Amino acid sequence: MSTLRNLFAEIPDSSPQELFATLIENPDVRIERIVSHGQVSDPDFWYDQDQHEWVLVLKGSAKLRFAEGDQIVELGPGDFVEIPAHQKHRVEWTASDEPTVWLAVYYGKPS
């Protein structure tokens, strides 16, 4: 029998660092819960991932910045975005007055 778990369990009201929990993983896909408490990417840092990413904000809010076109995308509960492999991006802002809970799905063969 499968073990019942809750995506919103064990979320602290604050944390000095982002919290990452892998929920499911196999060679082709990884699903993570990410919890942010005001964390942002360093100004000179860009994610440049080998896999595609689909990310959904379940609670809280955030802004992502994409290097191409210097585009900013604001996300609130229910908003999601697909980020193709090697599309450079970073976390520009996350809510500091409440946890931002993300569901991230990384998929496709690493390039």
PDB file of N, CA and C in Angstrom:
ATOM      1  N   MET A   1       0.836  -1.183   0.000  1.00  0.00           N
ATOM      2  CA  MET A   1       0.000   0.000   0.000  1.00  0.00           C
ATOM      3  C   MET A   1       0.880   1.244   0.000  1.00  0.00           C
ATOM      4  N   SER A   2       0.460   2.248  -0.715  1.00  0.00           N
ATOM      5  CA  SER A   2       1.181   3.513  -0.769  1.00  0.00           C
ATOM      6  C   SER A   2       1.006   4.287   0.527  1.00  0.00           C
ATOM      7  N   THR A   3       1.996   5.099   0.833  1.00  0.00           N
ATOM      8  CA  THR A   3       1.958   5.912   2.038  1.00  0.00           C
ATOM      9  C   THR A   3       1.327   7.261   1.713  1.00  0.00           C
ATOM     10  N   LEU A   4       0.328   7.641   2.492  1.00  0.00           N
ATOM     11  CA  LEU A   4      -0.331   8.936   2.330  1.00  0.00           C
ATOM     12  C   LEU A   4       0.547  10.018   2.941  1.00  0.00           C
ATOM     13  N   ARG A   5       0.779  11.063   2.172  1.00  0.00           N
ATOM     14  CA  ARG A   5       1.544  12.213   2.646  1.00  0.00           C
ATOM     15  C   ARG A   5       0.786  13.473   2.267  1.00  0.00           C
ATOM     16  N   ASN A   6       1.125  14.598   2.903  1.00  0.00           N
ATOM     17  CA  ASN A   6       0.465  15.857   2.615  1.00  0.00           C
ATOM     18  C   ASN A   6       1.503  16.885   2.196  1.00  0.00           C
ATOM     19  N   LEU A   7       1.270  17.523   1.058  1.00  0.00           N
ATOM     20  CA  LEU A   7       2.200  18.496   0.498  1.00  0.00           C
ATOM     21  C   LEU A   7       2.418  19.701   1.418  1.00  0.00           C
ATOM     22  N   PHE A   8       1.427  20.022   2.237  1.00  0.00           N
ATOM     23  CA  PHE A   8       1.515  21.186   3.112  1.00  0.00           C
ATOM     24  C   PHE A   8       1.977  20.844   4.534  1.00  0.00           C
ATOM     25  N   ALA A   9       2.324  19.593   4.764  1.00  0.00           N
ATOM     26  CA  ALA A   9       2.788  19.183   6.095  1.00  0.00           C
ATOM     27  C   ALA A   9       4.212  19.675   6.333  1.00  0.00           C
ATOM     28  N   GLU A  10       4.502  19.986   7.565  1.00  0.00           N
ATOM     29  CA  GLU A  10       5.849  20.341   8.002  1.00  0.00           C
ATOM     30  C   GLU A  10       6.421  21.555   7.272  1.00  0.00           C
ATOM     31  N   ILE A  11       5.595  22.571   7.068  1.00  0.00           N
ATOM     32  CA  ILE A  11       6.068  23.825   6.483  1.00  0.00           C
ATOM     33  C   ILE A  11       6.239  24.831   7.623  1.00  0.00           C
ATOM     34  N   PRO A  12       7.475  25.229   7.890  1.00  0.00           N
ATOM     35  CA  PRO A  12       7.680  26.211   8.968  1.00  0.00           C
ATOM     36  C   PRO A  12       7.181  27.589   8.566  1.00  0.00           C
ATOM     37  N   ASP A  13       6.862  28.412   9.567  1.00  0.00           N
ATOM     38  CA  ASP A  13       6.410  29.783   9.308  1.00  0.00           C
ATOM     39  C   ASP A  13       7.525  30.655   8.744  1.00  0.00           C
ATOM     40  N   SER A  14       8.775  30.297   9.039  1.00  0.00           N
ATOM     41  CA  SER A  14       9.920  31.027   8.493  1.00  0.00           C
ATOM     42  C   SER A  14      11.119  30.091   8.459  1.00  0.00           C
ATOM     43  N   SER A  15      12.085  30.441   7.623  1.00  0.00           N
ATOM     44  CA  SER A  15      13.312  29.659   7.519  1.00  0.00           C
ATOM     45  C   SER A  15      14.388  30.538   6.892  1.00  0.00           C
ATOM     46  N   PRO A  16      15.642  30.434   7.369  1.00  0.00           N
ATOM     47  CA  PRO A  16      16.707  31.249   6.786  1.00  0.00           C
ATOM     48  C   PRO A  16      17.142  30.775   5.400  1.00  0.00           C
ATOM     49  N   GLN A  17      16.684  29.594   4.989  1.00  0.00           N
ATOM     50  CA  GLN A  17      17.038  29.076   3.668  1.00  0.00           C
ATOM     51  C   GLN A  17      15.836  28.400   3.028  1.00  0.00           C
ATOM     52  N   GLU A  18      15.887  28.288   1.709  1.00  0.00           N
ATOM     53  CA  GLU A  18      14.828  27.572   1.004  1.00  0.00           C
ATOM     54  C   GLU A  18      14.884  26.103   1.383  1.00  0.00           C
ATOM     55  N   LEU A  19      13.722  25.478   1.408  1.00  0.00           N
ATOM     56  CA  LEU A  19      13.625  24.069   1.762  1.00  0.00           C
ATOM     57  C   LEU A  19      13.215  23.267   0.532  1.00  0.00           C
ATOM     58  N   PHE A  20      13.965  22.226   0.215  1.00  0.00           N
ATOM     59  CA  PHE A  20      13.709  21.380  -0.945  1.00  0.00           C
ATOM     60  C   PHE A  20      13.404  19.966  -0.473  1.00  0.00           C
ATOM     61  N   ALA A  21      12.339  19.380  -0.991  1.00  0.00           N
ATOM     62  CA  ALA A  21      11.994  17.997  -0.667  1.00  0.00           C
ATOM     63  C   ALA A  21      11.623  17.281  -1.966  1.00  0.00           C
ATOM     64  N   THR A  22      12.373  16.237  -2.294  1.00  0.00           N
ATOM     65  CA  THR A  22      12.052  15.435  -3.468  1.00  0.00           C
ATOM     66  C   THR A  22      10.898  14.512  -3.107  1.00  0.00           C
ATOM     67  N   LEU A  23       9.807  14.606  -3.871  1.00  0.00           N
ATOM     68  CA  LEU A  23       8.611  13.805  -3.603  1.00  0.00           C
ATOM     69  C   LEU A  23       8.623  12.505  -4.409  1.00  0.00           C
ATOM     70  N   ILE A  24       9.041  12.601  -5.664  1.00  0.00           N
ATOM     71  CA  ILE A  24       9.099  11.448  -6.569  1.00  0.00           C
ATOM     72  C   ILE A  24      10.302  11.658  -7.480  1.00  0.00           C
ATOM     73  N   GLU A  25      11.020  10.560  -7.758  1.00  0.00           N
ATOM     74  CA  GLU A  25      12.163  10.676  -8.661  1.00  0.00           C
ATOM     75  C   GLU A  25      12.382   9.356  -9.382  1.00  0.00           C
ATOM     76  N   ASN A  26      12.625   9.472 -10.683  1.00  0.00           N
ATOM     77  CA  ASN A  26      13.063   8.336 -11.490  1.00  0.00           C
ATOM     78  C   ASN A  26      13.987   8.893 -12.565  1.00  0.00           C
ATOM     79  N   PRO A  27      14.529   8.077 -13.458  1.00  0.00           N
ATOM     80  CA  PRO A  27      15.491   8.610 -14.432  1.00  0.00           C
ATOM     81  C   PRO A  27      14.952   9.724 -15.341  1.00  0.00           C
ATOM     82  N   ASP A  28      13.638   9.802 -15.539  1.00  0.00           N
ATOM     83  CA  ASP A  28      13.075  10.775 -16.486  1.00  0.00           C
ATOM     84  C   ASP A  28      12.358  11.951 -15.851  1.00  0.00           C
ATOM     85  N   VAL A  29      12.021  11.859 -14.573  1.00  0.00           N
ATOM     86  CA  VAL A  29      11.252  12.935 -13.937  1.00  0.00           C
ATOM     87  C   VAL A  29      11.600  13.025 -12.450  1.00  0.00           C
ATOM     88  N   ARG A  30      11.595  14.263 -11.949  1.00  0.00           N
ATOM     89  CA  ARG A  30      11.765  14.521 -10.521  1.00  0.00           C
ATOM     90  C   ARG A  30      10.727  15.554 -10.127  1.00  0.00           C
ATOM     91  N   ILE A  31      10.002  15.299  -9.058  1.00  0.00           N
ATOM     92  CA  ILE A  31       9.005  16.240  -8.550  1.00  0.00           C
ATOM     93  C   ILE A  31       9.462  16.690  -7.167  1.00  0.00           C
ATOM     94  N   GLU A  32       9.550  18.021  -6.994  1.00  0.00           N
ATOM     95  CA  GLU A  32      10.014  18.587  -5.740  1.00  0.00           C
ATOM     96  C   GLU A  32       8.996  19.563  -5.168  1.00  0.00           C
ATOM     97  N   ARG A  33       8.963  19.612  -3.856  1.00  0.00           N
ATOM     98  CA  ARG A  33       8.280  20.704  -3.160  1.00  0.00           C
ATOM     99  C   ARG A  33       9.382  21.650  -2.708  1.00  0.00           C
ATOM    100  N   ILE A  34       9.203  22.933  -3.010  1.00  0.00           N
ATOM    101  CA  ILE A  34      10.152  23.962  -2.592  1.00  0.00           C
ATOM    102  C   ILE A  34       9.387  24.956  -1.729  1.00  0.00           C
ATOM    103  N   VAL A  35       9.960  25.327  -0.605  1.00  0.00           N
ATOM    104  CA  VAL A  35       9.344  26.316   0.270  1.00  0.00           C
ATOM    105  C   VAL A  35      10.326  27.481   0.420  1.00  0.00           C
ATOM    106  N   SER A  36       9.861  28.670   0.059  1.00  0.00           N
ATOM    107  CA  SER A  36      10.674  29.900   0.142  1.00  0.00           C
ATOM    108  C   SER A  36      10.079  30.824   1.192  1.00  0.00           C
ATOM    109  N   HIS A  37      10.947  31.558   1.846  1.00  0.00           N
ATOM    110  CA  HIS A  37      10.538  32.550   2.854  1.00  0.00           C
ATOM    111  C   HIS A  37      11.290  33.853   2.600  1.00  0.00           C
ATOM    112  N   GLY A  38      11.062  34.449   1.435  1.00  0.00           N
ATOM    113  CA  GLY A  38      11.740  35.698   1.106  1.00  0.00           C
ATOM    114  C   GLY A  38      13.079  35.503   0.410  1.00  0.00           C
ATOM    115  N   GLN A  39      13.460  34.261   0.138  1.00  0.00           N
ATOM    116  CA  GLN A  39      14.742  34.026  -0.527  1.00  0.00           C
ATOM    117  C   GLN A  39      14.687  34.447  -1.993  1.00  0.00           C
ATOM    118  N   VAL A  40      15.836  34.854  -2.502  1.00  0.00           N
ATOM    119  CA  VAL A  40      15.996  35.244  -3.901  1.00  0.00           C
ATOM    120  C   VAL A  40      17.332  34.690  -4.394  1.00  0.00           C
ATOM    121  N   SER A  41      17.490  34.620  -5.704  1.00  0.00           N
ATOM    122  CA  SER A  41      18.773  34.219  -6.276  1.00  0.00           C
ATOM    123  C   SER A  41      19.769  35.371  -6.142  1.00  0.00           C
ATOM    124  N   ASP A  42      21.034  35.027  -6.046  1.00  0.00           N
ATOM    125  CA  ASP A  42      22.072  36.059  -6.044  1.00  0.00           C
ATOM    126  C   ASP A  42      21.994  36.839  -7.347  1.00  0.00           C
ATOM    127  N   PRO A  43      22.325  38.139  -7.332  1.00  0.00           N
ATOM    128  CA  PRO A  43      22.181  38.980  -8.530  1.00  0.00           C
ATOM    129  C   PRO A  43      22.935  38.482  -9.767  1.00  0.00           C
ATOM    130  N   ASP A  44      24.063  37.803  -9.565  1.00  0.00           N
ATOM    131  CA  ASP A  44      24.853  37.326 -10.703  1.00  0.00           C
ATOM    132  C   ASP A  44      24.605  35.857 -11.031  1.00  0.00           C
ATOM    133  N   PHE A  45      23.643  35.222 -10.352  1.00  0.00           N
ATOM    134  CA  PHE A  45      23.387  33.795 -10.544  1.00  0.00           C
ATOM    135  C   PHE A  45      22.208  33.565 -11.475  1.00  0.00           C
ATOM    136  N   TRP A  46      22.357  32.611 -12.390  1.00  0.00           N
ATOM    137  CA  TRP A  46      21.267  32.187 -13.266  1.00  0.00           C
ATOM    138  C   TRP A  46      21.167  30.672 -13.233  1.00  0.00           C
ATOM    139  N   TYR A  47      19.960  30.142 -13.041  1.00  0.00           N
ATOM    140  CA  TYR A  47      19.745  28.706 -13.241  1.00  0.00           C
ATOM    141  C   TYR A  47      19.882  28.425 -14.730  1.00  0.00           C
ATOM    142  N   ASP A  48      20.583  27.362 -15.071  1.00  0.00           N
ATOM    143  CA  ASP A  48      20.758  26.910 -16.453  1.00  0.00           C
ATOM    144  C   ASP A  48      20.689  25.387 -16.400  1.00  0.00           C
ATOM    145  N   GLN A  49      19.486  24.866 -16.385  1.00  0.00           N
ATOM    146  CA  GLN A  49      19.232  23.461 -16.087  1.00  0.00           C
ATOM    147  C   GLN A  49      19.255  22.585 -17.333  1.00  0.00           C
ATOM    148  N   ASP A  50      19.669  21.341 -17.129  1.00  0.00           N
ATOM    149  CA  ASP A  50      19.739  20.359 -18.218  1.00  0.00           C
ATOM    150  C   ASP A  50      18.381  19.756 -18.566  1.00  0.00           C
ATOM    151  N   GLN A  51      17.406  19.901 -17.687  1.00  0.00           N
ATOM    152  CA  GLN A  51      16.071  19.358 -17.932  1.00  0.00           C
ATOM    153  C   GLN A  51      15.058  20.493 -18.021  1.00  0.00           C
ATOM    154  N   HIS A  52      13.910  20.193 -18.631  1.00  0.00           N
ATOM    155  CA  HIS A  52      12.800  21.140 -18.637  1.00  0.00           C
ATOM    156  C   HIS A  52      12.252  21.212 -17.216  1.00  0.00           C
ATOM    157  N   GLU A  53      11.644  22.349 -16.889  1.00  0.00           N
ATOM    158  CA  GLU A  53      11.026  22.520 -15.572  1.00  0.00           C
ATOM    159  C   GLU A  53       9.625  23.101 -15.745  1.00  0.00           C
ATOM    160  N   TRP A  54       8.686  22.512 -15.041  1.00  0.00           N
ATOM    161  CA  TRP A  54       7.331  23.044 -14.940  1.00  0.00           C
ATOM    162  C   TRP A  54       7.171  23.388 -13.474  1.00  0.00           C
ATOM    163  N   VAL A  55       6.872  24.653 -13.177  1.00  0.00           N
ATOM    164  CA  VAL A  55       6.794  25.076 -11.782  1.00  0.00           C
ATOM    165  C   VAL A  55       5.458  25.762 -11.521  1.00  0.00           C
ATOM    166  N   LEU A  56       4.864  25.425 -10.384  1.00  0.00           N
ATOM    167  CA  LEU A  56       3.545  25.906  -9.979  1.00  0.00           C
ATOM    168  C   LEU A  56       3.658  26.486  -8.576  1.00  0.00           C
ATOM    169  N   VAL A  57       3.104  27.673  -8.367  1.00  0.00           N
ATOM    170  CA  VAL A  57       3.021  28.238  -7.015  1.00  0.00           C
ATOM    171  C   VAL A  57       1.683  27.804  -6.428  1.00  0.00           C
ATOM    172  N   LEU A  58       1.757  27.100  -5.305  1.00  0.00           N
ATOM    173  CA  LEU A  58       0.556  26.622  -4.622  1.00  0.00           C
ATOM    174  C   LEU A  58       0.071  27.607  -3.560  1.00  0.00           C
ATOM    175  N   LYS A  59       1.024  28.297  -2.947  1.00  0.00           N
ATOM    176  CA  LYS A  59       0.717  29.232  -1.863  1.00  0.00           C
ATOM    177  C   LYS A  59       1.795  30.304  -1.860  1.00  0.00           C
ATOM    178  N   GLY A  60       1.421  31.547  -1.542  1.00  0.00           N
ATOM    179  CA  GLY A  60       2.387  32.632  -1.507  1.00  0.00           C
ATOM    180  C   GLY A  60       2.515  33.299  -2.864  1.00  0.00           C
ATOM    181  N   SER A  61       3.671  33.901  -3.117  1.00  0.00           N
ATOM    182  CA  SER A  61       3.887  34.587  -4.395  1.00  0.00           C
ATOM    183  C   SER A  61       5.386  34.709  -4.655  1.00  0.00           C
ATOM    184  N   ALA A  62       5.696  34.910  -5.938  1.00  0.00           N
ATOM    185  CA  ALA A  62       7.099  34.986  -6.344  1.00  0.00           C
ATOM    186  C   ALA A  62       7.209  35.699  -7.682  1.00  0.00           C
ATOM    187  N   LYS A  63       8.430  36.119  -7.988  1.00  0.00           N
ATOM    188  CA  LYS A  63       8.738  36.665  -9.309  1.00  0.00           C
ATOM    189  C   LYS A  63       9.966  35.936  -9.843  1.00  0.00           C
ATOM    190  N   LEU A  64       9.881  35.520 -11.098  1.00  0.00           N
ATOM    191  CA  LEU A  64      11.015  34.924 -11.795  1.00  0.00           C
ATOM    192  C   LEU A  64      11.506  35.905 -12.841  1.00  0.00           C
ATOM    193  N   ARG A  65      12.814  35.967 -13.018  1.00  0.00           N
ATOM    194  CA  ARG A  65      13.404  36.787 -14.078  1.00  0.00           C
ATOM    195  C   ARG A  65      14.058  35.837 -15.073  1.00  0.00           C
ATOM    196  N   PHE A  66      13.789  36.083 -16.367  1.00  0.00           N
ATOM    197  CA  PHE A  66      14.379  35.304 -17.440  1.00  0.00           C
ATOM    198  C   PHE A  66      15.407  36.177 -18.146  1.00  0.00           C
ATOM    199  N   ALA A  67      16.581  35.602 -18.411  1.00  0.00           N
ATOM    200  CA  ALA A  67      17.672  36.360 -19.030  1.00  0.00           C
ATOM    201  C   ALA A  67      17.280  36.837 -20.419  1.00  0.00           C
ATOM    202  N   GLU A  68      16.641  35.976 -21.187  1.00  0.00           N
ATOM    203  CA  GLU A  68      16.241  36.349 -22.542  1.00  0.00           C
ATOM    204  C   GLU A  68      15.153  37.410 -22.482  1.00  0.00           C
ATOM    205  N   GLY A  69      15.452  38.579 -22.984  1.00  0.00           N
ATOM    206  CA  GLY A  69      14.485  39.668 -22.992  1.00  0.00           C
ATOM    207  C   GLY A  69      14.314  40.344 -21.647  1.00  0.00           C
ATOM    208  N   ASP A  70      15.105  39.930 -20.651  1.00  0.00           N
ATOM    209  CA  ASP A  70      14.994  40.478 -19.300  1.00  0.00           C
ATOM    210  C   ASP A  70      13.535  40.504 -18.843  1.00  0.00           C
ATOM    211  N   GLN A  71      12.833  39.402 -19.068  1.00  0.00           N
ATOM    212  CA  GLN A  71      11.407  39.277 -18.753  1.00  0.00           C
ATOM    213  C   GLN A  71      11.203  38.868 -17.300  1.00  0.00           C
ATOM    214  N   ILE A  72      10.233  39.499 -16.638  1.00  0.00           N
ATOM    215  CA  ILE A  72       9.847  39.133 -15.277  1.00  0.00           C
ATOM    216  C   ILE A  72       8.431  38.558 -15.313  1.00  0.00           C
ATOM    217  N   VAL A  73       8.267  37.425 -14.624  1.00  0.00           N
ATOM    218  CA  VAL A  73       6.964  36.770 -14.524  1.00  0.00           C
ATOM    219  C   VAL A  73       6.588  36.712 -13.052  1.00  0.00           C
ATOM    220  N   GLU A  74       5.428  37.251 -12.728  1.00  0.00           N
ATOM    221  CA  GLU A  74       4.930  37.225 -11.354  1.00  0.00           C
ATOM    222  C   GLU A  74       3.971  36.056 -11.203  1.00  0.00           C
ATOM    223  N   LEU A  75       4.159  35.279 -10.139  1.00  0.00           N
ATOM    224  CA  LEU A  75       3.359  34.082  -9.894  1.00  0.00           C
ATOM    225  C   LEU A  75       2.645  34.179  -8.554  1.00  0.00           C
ATOM    226  N   GLY A  76       1.376  33.804  -8.555  1.00  0.00           N
ATOM    227  CA  GLY A  76       0.594  33.691  -7.334  1.00  0.00           C
ATOM    228  C   GLY A  76      -0.007  32.302  -7.275  1.00  0.00           C
ATOM    229  N   PRO A  77      -0.834  32.022  -6.268  1.00  0.00           N
ATOM    230  CA  PRO A  77      -1.417  30.694  -6.139  1.00  0.00           C
ATOM    231  C   PRO A  77      -2.140  30.254  -7.421  1.00  0.00           C
ATOM    232  N   GLY A  78      -1.755  29.081  -7.898  1.00  0.00           N
ATOM    233  CA  GLY A  78      -2.357  28.519  -9.100  1.00  0.00           C
ATOM    234  C   GLY A  78      -1.623  28.863 -10.385  1.00  0.00           C
ATOM    235  N   ASP A  79      -0.707  29.827 -10.346  1.00  0.00           N
ATOM    236  CA  ASP A  79       0.039  30.209 -11.551  1.00  0.00           C
ATOM    237  C   ASP A  79       1.193  29.242 -11.772  1.00  0.00           C
ATOM    238  N   PHE A  80       1.410  28.886 -13.036  1.00  0.00           N
ATOM    239  CA  PHE A  80       2.526  28.012 -13.368  1.00  0.00           C
ATOM    240  C   PHE A  80       3.179  28.463 -14.657  1.00  0.00           C
ATOM    241  N   VAL A  81       4.413  28.013 -14.833  1.00  0.00           N
ATOM    242  CA  VAL A  81       5.183  28.358 -16.019  1.00  0.00           C
ATOM    243  C   VAL A  81       6.057  27.160 -16.389  1.00  0.00           C
ATOM    244  N   GLU A  82       6.230  26.962 -17.686  1.00  0.00           N
ATOM    245  CA  GLU A  82       7.135  25.929 -18.177  1.00  0.00           C
ATOM    246  C   GLU A  82       8.441  26.613 -18.577  1.00  0.00           C
ATOM    247  N   ILE A  83       9.538  26.062 -18.112  1.00  0.00           N
ATOM    248  CA  ILE A  83      10.855  26.624 -18.390  1.00  0.00           C
ATOM    249  C   ILE A  83      11.646  25.582 -19.169  1.00  0.00           C
ATOM    250  N   PRO A  84      11.874  25.813 -20.462  1.00  0.00           N
ATOM    251  CA  PRO A  84      12.639  24.849 -21.259  1.00  0.00           C
ATOM    252  C   PRO A  84      14.072  24.693 -20.731  1.00  0.00           C
ATOM    253  N   ALA A  85      14.641  23.530 -20.966  1.00  0.00           N
ATOM    254  CA  ALA A  85      16.029  23.283 -20.573  1.00  0.00           C
ATOM    255  C   ALA A  85      16.923  24.400 -21.112  1.00  0.00           C
ATOM    256  N   HIS A  86      17.847  24.830 -20.297  1.00  0.00           N
ATOM    257  CA  HIS A  86      18.855  25.852 -20.618  1.00  0.00           C
ATOM    258  C   HIS A  86      18.292  27.260 -20.826  1.00  0.00           C
ATOM    259  N   GLN A  87      17.025  27.489 -20.451  1.00  0.00           N
ATOM    260  CA  GLN A  87      16.530  28.866 -20.452  1.00  0.00           C
ATOM    261  C   GLN A  87      16.957  29.480 -19.118  1.00  0.00           C
ATOM    262  N   LYS A  88      17.870  30.423 -19.186  1.00  0.00           N
ATOM    263  CA  LYS A  88      18.426  31.000 -17.973  1.00  0.00           C
ATOM    264  C   LYS A  88      17.369  31.812 -17.238  1.00  0.00           C
ATOM    265  N   HIS A  89      17.278  31.564 -15.925  1.00  0.00           N
ATOM    266  CA  HIS A  89      16.289  32.242 -15.088  1.00  0.00           C
ATOM    267  C   HIS A  89      16.785  32.281 -13.650  1.00  0.00           C
ATOM    268  N   ARG A  90      16.145  33.125 -12.860  1.00  0.00           N
ATOM    269  CA  ARG A  90      16.452  33.193 -11.434  1.00  0.00           C
ATOM    270  C   ARG A  90      15.214  33.647 -10.674  1.00  0.00           C
ATOM    271  N   VAL A  91      15.260  33.446  -9.374  1.00  0.00           N
ATOM    272  CA  VAL A  91      14.180  33.890  -8.494  1.00  0.00           C
ATOM    273  C   VAL A  91      14.493  35.324  -8.104  1.00  0.00           C
ATOM    274  N   GLU A  92      13.645  36.227  -8.547  1.00  0.00           N
ATOM    275  CA  GLU A  92      13.840  37.659  -8.310  1.00  0.00           C
ATOM    276  C   GLU A  92      13.268  38.090  -6.962  1.00  0.00           C
ATOM    277  N   TRP A  93      12.207  37.395  -6.516  1.00  0.00           N
ATOM    278  CA  TRP A  93      11.517  37.814  -5.293  1.00  0.00           C
ATOM    279  C   TRP A  93      10.598  36.695  -4.834  1.00  0.00           C
ATOM    280  N   THR A  94      10.502  36.479  -3.532  1.00  0.00           N
ATOM    281  CA  THR A  94       9.464  35.626  -2.952  1.00  0.00           C
ATOM    282  C   THR A  94       8.889  36.343  -1.740  1.00  0.00           C
ATOM    283  N   ALA A  95       7.649  36.043  -1.429  1.00  0.00           N
ATOM    284  CA  ALA A  95       6.973  36.691  -0.297  1.00  0.00           C
ATOM    285  C   ALA A  95       7.758  36.442   0.985  1.00  0.00           C
ATOM    286  N   SER A  96       7.895  37.471   1.794  1.00  0.00           N
ATOM    287  CA  SER A  96       8.591  37.322   3.069  1.00  0.00           C
ATOM    288  C   SER A  96       7.628  37.242   4.244  1.00  0.00           C
ATOM    289  N   ASP A  97       6.349  37.553   4.008  1.00  0.00           N
ATOM    290  CA  ASP A  97       5.366  37.555   5.091  1.00  0.00           C
ATOM    291  C   ASP A  97       4.595  36.242   5.202  1.00  0.00           C
ATOM    292  N   GLU A  98       4.859  35.310   4.285  1.00  0.00           N
ATOM    293  CA  GLU A  98       4.245  33.985   4.332  1.00  0.00           C
ATOM    294  C   GLU A  98       5.105  33.035   3.502  1.00  0.00           C
ATOM    295  N   PRO A  99       5.024  31.743   3.763  1.00  0.00           N
ATOM    296  CA  PRO A  99       5.779  30.800   2.940  1.00  0.00           C
ATOM    297  C   PRO A  99       5.239  30.786   1.506  1.00  0.00           C
ATOM    298  N   THR A 100       6.147  30.688   0.559  1.00  0.00           N
ATOM    299  CA  THR A 100       5.771  30.426  -0.825  1.00  0.00           C
ATOM    300  C   THR A 100       6.051  28.960  -1.076  1.00  0.00           C
ATOM    301  N   VAL A 101       5.004  28.221  -1.426  1.00  0.00           N
ATOM    302  CA  VAL A 101       5.124  26.783  -1.656  1.00  0.00           C
ATOM    303  C   VAL A 101       5.038  26.524  -3.148  1.00  0.00           C
ATOM    304  N   TRP A 102       6.097  25.942  -3.700  1.00  0.00           N
ATOM    305  CA  TRP A 102       6.208  25.629  -5.114  1.00  0.00           C
ATOM    306  C   TRP A 102       6.103  24.120  -5.314  1.00  0.00           C
ATOM    307  N   LEU A 103       5.585  23.722  -6.450  1.00  0.00           N
ATOM    308  CA  LEU A 103       5.678  22.342  -6.908  1.00  0.00           C
ATOM    309  C   LEU A 103       6.457  22.411  -8.217  1.00  0.00           C
ATOM    310  N   ALA A 104       7.608  21.756  -8.248  1.00  0.00           N
ATOM    311  CA  ALA A 104       8.469  21.810  -9.439  1.00  0.00           C
ATOM    312  C   ALA A 104       8.596  20.409 -10.019  1.00  0.00           C
ATOM    313  N   VAL A 105       8.393  20.315 -11.327  1.00  0.00           N
ATOM    314  CA  VAL A 105       8.535  19.047 -12.045  1.00  0.00           C
ATOM    315  C   VAL A 105       9.652  19.220 -13.058  1.00  0.00           C
ATOM    316  N   TYR A 106      10.708  18.420 -12.919  1.00  0.00           N
ATOM    317  CA  TYR A 106      11.840  18.433 -13.845  1.00  0.00           C
ATOM    318  C   TYR A 106      11.710  17.184 -14.707  1.00  0.00           C
ATOM    319  N   TYR A 107      11.765  17.353 -16.030  1.00  0.00           N
ATOM    320  CA  TYR A 107      11.505  16.207 -16.897  1.00  0.00           C
ATOM    321  C   TYR A 107      12.320  16.275 -18.189  1.00  0.00           C
ATOM    322  N   GLY A 108      12.369  15.162 -18.864  1.00  0.00           N
ATOM    323  CA  GLY A 108      13.127  15.042 -20.103  1.00  0.00           C
ATOM    324  C   GLY A 108      14.533  14.546 -19.820  1.00  0.00           C
ATOM    325  N   LYS A 109      15.120  13.950 -20.796  1.00  0.00           N
ATOM    326  CA  LYS A 109      16.492  13.464 -20.656  1.00  0.00           C
ATOM    327  C   LYS A 109      17.433  14.647 -20.498  1.00  0.00           C
ATOM    328  N   PRO A 110      18.343  14.591 -19.531  1.00  0.00           N
ATOM    329  CA  PRO A 110      19.311  15.690 -19.389  1.00  0.00           C
ATOM    330  C   PRO A 110      20.085  15.884 -20.683  1.00  0.00           C
ATOM    331  N   SER A 111      20.273  17.149 -21.043  1.00  0.00           N
ATOM    332  CA  SER A 111      20.996  17.440 -22.288  1.00  0.00           C
ATOM    333  C   SER A 111      22.451  17.761 -22.016  1.00  0.00           C
TER     334      SER A 111
END
